[in-house]
Amino acid sequence: LFYSRNYIVSHERLKNFRHSDIIYNQIKYLKI
């Protein structure tokens, strides 16, 4: 059918965000 592409929205208070389909432990890097 199709390949996904990700449009991610976030609030400005969330820092260090970078989406990945294979990095699931990313929350430890995020900052508010």
All heavy atoms as atom14 arrays in JSON, in Angstrom:
{
  "sequence": "LFYSRNYIVSHERLKNFRHSDIIYNQIKYLKI",
  "atom14_mask": [
    [1, 1, 1, 1, 1, 1, 1, 1, 0, 0, 0, 0, 0, 0],
    [1, 1, 1, 1, 1, 1, 1, 1, 1, 1, 1, 0, 0, 0],
    [1, 1, 1, 1, 1, 1, 1, 1, 1, 1, 1, 1, 0, 0],
    [1, 1, 1, 1, 1, 1, 0, 0, 0, 0, 0, 0, 0, 0],
    [1, 1, 1, 1, 1, 1, 1, 1, 1, 1, 1, 0, 0, 0],
    [1, 1, 1, 1, 1, 1, 1, 1, 0, 0, 0, 0, 0, 0],
    [1, 1, 1, 1, 1, 1, 1, 1, 1, 1, 1, 1, 0, 0],
    [1, 1, 1, 1, 1, 1, 1, 1, 0, 0, 0, 0, 0, 0],
    [1, 1, 1, 1, 1, 1, 1, 0, 0, 0, 0, 0, 0, 0],
    [1, 1, 1, 1, 1, 1, 0, 0, 0, 0, 0, 0, 0, 0],
    [1, 1, 1, 1, 1, 1, 1, 1, 1, 1, 0, 0, 0, 0],
    [1, 1, 1, 1, 1, 1, 1, 1, 1, 0, 0, 0, 0, 0],
    [1, 1, 1, 1, 1, 1, 1, 1, 1, 1, 1, 0, 0, 0],
    [1, 1, 1, 1, 1, 1, 1, 1, 0, 0, 0, 0, 0, 0],
    [1, 1, 1, 1, 1, 1, 1, 1, 1, 0, 0, 0, 0, 0],
    [1, 1, 1, 1, 1, 1, 1, 1, 0, 0, 0, 0, 0, 0],
    [1, 1, 1, 1, 1, 1, 1, 1, 1, 1, 1, 0, 0, 0],
    [1, 1, 1, 1, 1, 1, 1, 1, 1, 1, 1, 0, 0, 0],
    [1, 1, 1, 1, 1, 1, 1, 1, 1, 1, 0, 0, 0, 0],
    [1, 1, 1, 1, 1, 1, 0, 0, 0, 0, 0, 0, 0, 0],
    [1, 1, 1, 1, 1, 1, 1, 1, 0, 0, 0, 0, 0, 0],
    [1, 1, 1, 1, 1, 1, 1, 1, 0, 0, 0, 0, 0, 0],
    [1, 1, 1, 1, 1, 1, 1, 1, 0, 0, 0, 0, 0, 0],
    [1, 1, 1, 1, 1, 1, 1, 1, 1, 1, 1, 1, 0, 0],
    [1, 1, 1, 1, 1, 1, 1, 1, 0, 0, 0, 0, 0, 0],
    [1, 1, 1, 1, 1, 1, 1, 1, 1, 0, 0, 0, 0, 0],
    [1, 1, 1, 1, 1, 1, 1, 1, 0, 0, 0, 0, 0, 0],
    [1, 1, 1, 1, 1, 1, 1, 1, 1, 0, 0, 0, 0, 0],
    [1, 1, 1, 1, 1, 1, 1, 1, 1, 1, 1, 1, 0, 0],
    [1, 1, 1, 1, 1, 1, 1, 1, 0, 0, 0, 0, 0, 0],
    [1, 1, 1, 1, 1, 1, 1, 1, 1, 0, 0, 0, 0, 0],
    [1, 1, 1, 1, 1, 1, 1, 1, 0, 0, 0, 0, 0, 0]
  ],
  "atom14_positions": [
    [[0.82, -1.21, 0.0], [0.0, 0.0, 0.0], [0.85, 1.26, 0.0], [1.0, 1.92, -1.02], [-0.96, -0.02, 1.19], [-2.03, -1.11, 1.18], [-2.8, -1.12, 2.49], [-2.98, -0.92, 0.01], [0.0, 0.0, 0.0], [0.0, 0.0, 0.0], [0.0, 0.0, 0.0], [0.0, 0.0, 0.0], [0.0, 0.0, 0.0], [0.0, 0.0, 0.0]],
    [[1.42, 1.62, 1.16], [2.17, 2.88, 1.21], [3.22, 2.88, 2.31], [3.15, 2.1, 3.27], [1.21, 4.07, 1.4], [0.52, 4.12, 2.75], [1.05, 4.84, 3.8], [-0.68, 3.45, 2.96], [0.42, 4.9, 5.04], [-1.32, 3.49, 4.18], [-0.76, 4.22, 5.23], [0.0, 0.0, 0.0], [0.0, 0.0, 0.0], [0.0, 0.0, 0.0]],
    [[4.18, 3.8, 2.16], [5.19, 4.07, 3.18], [4.74, 5.29, 4.0], [4.32, 6.29, 3.43], [6.54, 4.38, 2.55], [7.04, 3.36, 1.55], [7.28, 3.72, 0.22], [7.27, 2.05, 1.92], [7.73, 2.79, -0.71], [7.73, 1.1, 1.0], [7.95, 1.48, -0.31], [8.41, 0.56, -1.23], [0.0, 0.0, 0.0], [0.0, 0.0, 0.0]],
    [[4.83, 5.18, 5.31], [4.42, 6.29, 6.17], [5.45, 7.41, 6.16], [6.65, 7.19, 5.94], [4.24, 5.81, 7.61], [3.15, 4.94, 7.73], [0.0, 0.0, 0.0], [0.0, 0.0, 0.0], [0.0, 0.0, 0.0], [0.0, 0.0, 0.0], [0.0, 0.0, 0.0], [0.0, 0.0, 0.0], [0.0, 0.0, 0.0], [0.0, 0.0, 0.0]],
    [[4.97, 8.61, 6.38], [5.83, 9.75, 6.72], [5.21, 10.42, 7.93], [3.99, 10.49, 8.05], [5.95, 10.73, 5.54], [6.9, 10.24, 4.48], [7.1, 11.23, 3.36], [5.93, 11.3, 2.5], [5.97, 11.7, 1.23], [7.13, 12.08, 0.69], [4.88, 11.76, 0.5], [0.0, 0.0, 0.0], [0.0, 0.0, 0.0], [0.0, 0.0, 0.0]],
    [[6.02, 10.89, 8.83], [5.53, 11.37, 10.12], [5.5, 12.89, 10.2], [6.53, 13.55, 10.06], [6.41, 10.82, 11.25], [6.37, 9.31, 11.32], [5.31, 8.73, 11.48], [7.52, 8.67, 11.2], [0.0, 0.0, 0.0], [0.0, 0.0, 0.0], [0.0, 0.0, 0.0], [0.0, 0.0, 0.0], [0.0, 0.0, 0.0], [0.0, 0.0, 0.0]],
    [[4.31, 13.42, 10.44], [4.14, 14.84, 10.75], [3.85, 14.91, 12.24], [2.77, 14.5, 12.69], [2.98, 15.43, 9.95], [3.33, 15.81, 8.52], [3.97, 14.93, 7.68], [3.02, 17.08, 8.04], [4.3, 15.28, 6.38], [3.35, 17.45, 6.74], [3.98, 16.53, 5.91], [4.31, 16.89, 4.63], [0.0, 0.0, 0.0], [0.0, 0.0, 0.0]],
    [[4.8, 15.38, 13.01], [4.68, 15.39, 14.47], [4.51, 16.81, 14.97], [5.3, 17.71, 14.62], [5.93, 14.77, 15.14], [6.27, 13.42, 14.52], [5.73, 14.65, 16.65], [5.27, 12.33, 14.77], [0.0, 0.0, 0.0], [0.0, 0.0, 0.0], [0.0, 0.0, 0.0], [0.0, 0.0, 0.0], [0.0, 0.0, 0.0], [0.0, 0.0, 0.0]],
    [[3.49, 17.03, 15.79], [3.29, 18.34, 16.41], [3.62, 18.22, 17.89], [3.38, 17.19, 18.53], [1.86, 18.86, 16.22], [1.64, 19.32, 14.79], [0.81, 17.82, 16.6], [0.0, 0.0, 0.0], [0.0, 0.0, 0.0], [0.0, 0.0, 0.0], [0.0, 0.0, 0.0], [0.0, 0.0, 0.0], [0.0, 0.0, 0.0], [0.0, 0.0, 0.0]],
    [[4.17, 19.31, 18.44], [4.53, 19.32, 19.86], [4.38, 20.74, 20.39], [4.4, 21.71, 19.63], [5.97, 18.83, 20.07], [6.89, 19.67, 19.4], [0.0, 0.0, 0.0], [0.0, 0.0, 0.0], [0.0, 0.0, 0.0], [0.0, 0.0, 0.0], [0.0, 0.0, 0.0], [0.0, 0.0, 0.0], [0.0, 0.0, 0.0], [0.0, 0.0, 0.0]],
    [[4.23, 20.82, 21.7], [4.18, 22.14, 22.35], [5.6, 22.65, 22.58], [6.55, 21.87, 22.75], [3.43, 22.04, 23.67], [1.96, 21.75, 23.49], [1.07, 22.68, 23.04], [1.24, 20.61, 23.68], [-0.14, 22.14, 22.96], [-0.06, 20.88, 23.35], [0.0, 0.0, 0.0], [0.0, 0.0, 0.0], [0.0, 0.0, 0.0], [0.0, 0.0, 0.0]],
    [[5.73, 23.95, 22.59], [7.06, 24.56, 22.66], [7.82, 24.18, 23.92], [9.05, 24.16, 23.95], [6.94, 26.09, 22.57], [8.27, 26.8, 22.39], [8.11, 28.29, 22.2], [7.61, 28.95, 23.14], [8.48, 28.79, 21.13], [0.0, 0.0, 0.0], [0.0, 0.0, 0.0], [0.0, 0.0, 0.0], [0.0, 0.0, 0.0], [0.0, 0.0, 0.0]],
    [[7.1, 23.83, 24.99], [7.77, 23.5, 26.25], [8.58, 22.21, 26.14], [9.46, 21.96, 26.96], [6.76, 23.4, 27.38], [5.93, 22.11, 27.4], [4.97, 22.09, 28.57], [4.46, 20.73, 28.8], [4.38, 20.16, 30.0], [4.79, 20.82, 31.08], [3.9, 18.93, 30.14], [0.0, 0.0, 0.0], [0.0, 0.0, 0.0], [0.0, 0.0, 0.0]],
    [[8.29, 21.39, 25.14], [9.0, 20.13, 24.97], [10.28, 20.35, 24.18], [10.25, 20.81, 23.04], [8.11, 19.11, 24.25], [8.7, 17.71, 24.07], [8.93, 17.04, 25.42], [7.8, 16.85, 23.19], [0.0, 0.0, 0.0], [0.0, 0.0, 0.0], [0.0, 0.0, 0.0], [0.0, 0.0, 0.0], [0.0, 0.0, 0.0], [0.0, 0.0, 0.0]],
    [[11.4, 20.01, 24.77], [12.7, 20.24, 24.15], [13.37, 18.9, 23.81], [13.04, 17.86, 24.36], [13.62, 21.04, 25.1], [13.0, 22.35, 25.61], [12.69, 23.32, 24.48], [12.11, 24.63, 25.03], [11.7, 25.55, 23.94], [0.0, 0.0, 0.0], [0.0, 0.0, 0.0], [0.0, 0.0, 0.0], [0.0, 0.0, 0.0], [0.0, 0.0, 0.0]],
    [[14.32, 18.97, 22.9], [15.17, 17.83, 22.5], [14.42, 16.74, 21.74], [14.92, 15.62, 21.6], [15.85, 17.17, 23.72], [16.71, 18.14, 24.49], [17.16, 19.15, 23.96], [16.96, 17.84, 25.76], [0.0, 0.0, 0.0], [0.0, 0.0, 0.0], [0.0, 0.0, 0.0], [0.0, 0.0, 0.0], [0.0, 0.0, 0.0], [0.0, 0.0, 0.0]],
    [[13.24, 17.07, 21.2], [12.44, 16.03, 20.55], [12.94, 15.74, 19.14], [13.12, 16.64, 18.33], [10.98, 16.45, 20.48], [10.09, 15.4, 19.84], [9.64, 14.33, 20.58], [9.75, 15.49, 18.5], [8.85, 13.34, 20.0], [8.94, 14.51, 17.91], [8.5, 13.44, 18.67], [0.0, 0.0, 0.0], [0.0, 0.0, 0.0], [0.0, 0.0, 0.0]],
    [[13.14, 14.45, 18.86], [13.45, 13.99, 17.51], [12.81, 12.62, 17.31], [13.15, 11.67, 18.01], [14.96, 13.91, 17.28], [15.31, 13.48, 15.84], [16.77, 13.58, 15.55], [17.05, 13.31, 14.14], [18.26, 13.42, 13.57], [19.29, 13.82, 14.31], [18.42, 13.16, 12.3], [0.0, 0.0, 0.0], [0.0, 0.0, 0.0], [0.0, 0.0, 0.0]],
    [[11.91, 12.54, 16.36], [11.18, 11.29, 16.15], [12.05, 10.25, 15.45], [12.89, 10.57, 14.6], [9.93, 11.54, 15.3], [9.16, 10.3, 15.01], [8.33, 9.7, 15.93], [9.11, 9.52, 13.89], [7.8, 8.63, 15.41], [8.25, 8.48, 14.17], [0.0, 0.0, 0.0], [0.0, 0.0, 0.0], [0.0, 0.0, 0.0], [0.0, 0.0, 0.0]],
    [[11.82, 8.99, 15.81], [12.46, 7.87, 15.13], [11.55, 6.66, 15.21], [10.86, 6.46, 16.23], [13.81, 7.53, 15.78], [14.3, 6.28, 15.3], [0.0, 0.0, 0.0], [0.0, 0.0, 0.0], [0.0, 0.0, 0.0], [0.0, 0.0, 0.0], [0.0, 0.0, 0.0], [0.0, 0.0, 0.0], [0.0, 0.0, 0.0], [0.0, 0.0, 0.0]],
    [[11.54, 5.85, 14.16], [10.73, 4.64, 14.17], [11.41, 3.47, 14.88], [10.76, 2.46, 15.16], [10.41, 4.2, 12.74], [9.35, 5.07, 12.1], [8.5, 5.59, 12.83], [9.39, 5.24, 10.87], [0.0, 0.0, 0.0], [0.0, 0.0, 0.0], [0.0, 0.0, 0.0], [0.0, 0.0, 0.0], [0.0, 0.0, 0.0], [0.0, 0.0, 0.0]],
    [[12.7, 3.58, 15.16], [13.38, 2.45, 15.8], [14.03, 2.81, 17.14], [14.51, 1.93, 17.84], [14.43, 1.8, 14.87], [15.55, 2.78, 14.5], [13.78, 1.26, 13.62], [16.66, 2.12, 13.71], [0.0, 0.0, 0.0], [0.0, 0.0, 0.0], [0.0, 0.0, 0.0], [0.0, 0.0, 0.0], [0.0, 0.0, 0.0], [0.0, 0.0, 0.0]],
    [[14.04, 4.09, 17.49], [14.54, 4.49, 18.81], [13.33, 4.69, 19.71], [12.61, 5.69, 19.61], [15.38, 5.78, 18.73], [16.62, 5.55, 17.86], [15.79, 6.24, 20.13], [17.46, 6.8, 17.64], [0.0, 0.0, 0.0], [0.0, 0.0, 0.0], [0.0, 0.0, 0.0], [0.0, 0.0, 0.0], [0.0, 0.0, 0.0], [0.0, 0.0, 0.0]],
    [[13.09, 3.72, 20.59], [11.92, 3.78, 21.47], [12.25, 4.3, 22.87], [11.34, 4.63, 23.63], [11.29, 2.38, 21.59], [10.56, 1.93, 20.35], [11.16, 1.04, 19.45], [9.27, 2.37, 20.08], [10.49, 0.62, 18.32], [8.59, 1.94, 18.95], [9.21, 1.07, 18.06], [8.55, 0.66, 16.94], [0.0, 0.0, 0.0], [0.0, 0.0, 0.0]],
    [[13.52, 4.35, 23.22], [13.88, 4.81, 24.57], [14.18, 6.3, 24.59], [14.99, 6.79, 25.38], [15.06, 4.01, 25.11], [16.35, 4.24, 24.33], [16.34, 4.83, 23.24], [17.47, 3.77, 24.87], [0.0, 0.0, 0.0], [0.0, 0.0, 0.0], [0.0, 0.0, 0.0], [0.0, 0.0, 0.0], [0.0, 0.0, 0.0], [0.0, 0.0, 0.0]],
    [[13.52, 7.07, 23.73], [13.86, 8.47, 23.53], [13.42, 9.38, 24.67], [13.92, 10.5, 24.79], [13.23, 8.99, 22.22], [11.76, 9.37, 22.28], [10.81, 8.2, 22.18], [11.19, 7.06, 22.43], [9.56, 8.45, 21.84], [0.0, 0.0, 0.0], [0.0, 0.0, 0.0], [0.0, 0.0, 0.0], [0.0, 0.0, 0.0], [0.0, 0.0, 0.0]],
    [[12.52, 8.93, 25.54], [11.97, 9.83, 26.55], [13.03, 10.3, 27.54], [12.96, 11.42, 28.05], [10.77, 9.18, 27.25], [9.59, 9.15, 26.27], [10.37, 9.91, 28.52], [8.34, 8.49, 26.78], [0.0, 0.0, 0.0], [0.0, 0.0, 0.0], [0.0, 0.0, 0.0], [0.0, 0.0, 0.0], [0.0, 0.0, 0.0], [0.0, 0.0, 0.0]],
    [[14.04, 9.49, 27.77], [15.09, 9.92, 28.7], [15.84, 11.14, 28.19], [16.47, 11.86, 28.98], [16.06, 8.77, 28.97], [16.88, 8.32, 27.79], [17.73, 7.1, 28.14], [18.53, 6.59, 26.94], [19.29, 5.37, 27.27], [0.0, 0.0, 0.0], [0.0, 0.0, 0.0], [0.0, 0.0, 0.0], [0.0, 0.0, 0.0], [0.0, 0.0, 0.0]],
    [[15.79, 11.41, 26.89], [16.48, 12.56, 26.31], [15.63, 13.82, 26.32], [16.14, 14.93, 26.13], [16.88, 12.26, 24.86], [17.79, 11.09, 24.69], [17.3, 9.87, 24.19], [19.14, 11.17, 25.01], [18.14, 8.78, 24.02], [19.98, 10.07, 24.84], [19.47, 8.88, 24.35], [20.3, 7.8, 24.18], [0.0, 0.0, 0.0], [0.0, 0.0, 0.0]],
    [[14.32, 13.68, 26.5], [13.41, 14.82, 26.4], [13.45, 15.68, 27.65], [13.76, 15.21, 28.74], [11.98, 14.33, 26.15], [11.77, 13.44, 24.92], [10.3, 13.11, 24.76], [12.3, 14.11, 23.67], [0.0, 0.0, 0.0], [0.0, 0.0, 0.0], [0.0, 0.0, 0.0], [0.0, 0.0, 0.0], [0.0, 0.0, 0.0], [0.0, 0.0, 0.0]],
    [[13.1, 16.94, 27.45], [13.16, 17.9, 28.55], [11.95, 18.82, 28.45], [11.5, 19.16, 27.35], [14.46, 18.72, 28.45], [14.76, 19.59, 29.65], [16.14, 20.22, 29.48], [16.56, 21.0, 30.72], [17.9, 21.6, 30.54], [0.0, 0.0, 0.0], [0.0, 0.0, 0.0], [0.0, 0.0, 0.0], [0.0, 0.0, 0.0], [0.0, 0.0, 0.0]],
    [[11.42, 19.21, 29.6], [10.29, 20.15, 29.64], [10.77, 21.47, 30.2], [11.37, 21.51, 31.29], [9.13, 19.58, 30.47], [8.51, 18.38, 29.74], [8.07, 20.64, 30.73], [7.46, 17.65, 30.52], [0.0, 0.0, 0.0], [0.0, 0.0, 0.0], [0.0, 0.0, 0.0], [0.0, 0.0, 0.0], [0.0, 0.0, 0.0], [0.0, 0.0, 0.0]]
  ]
}
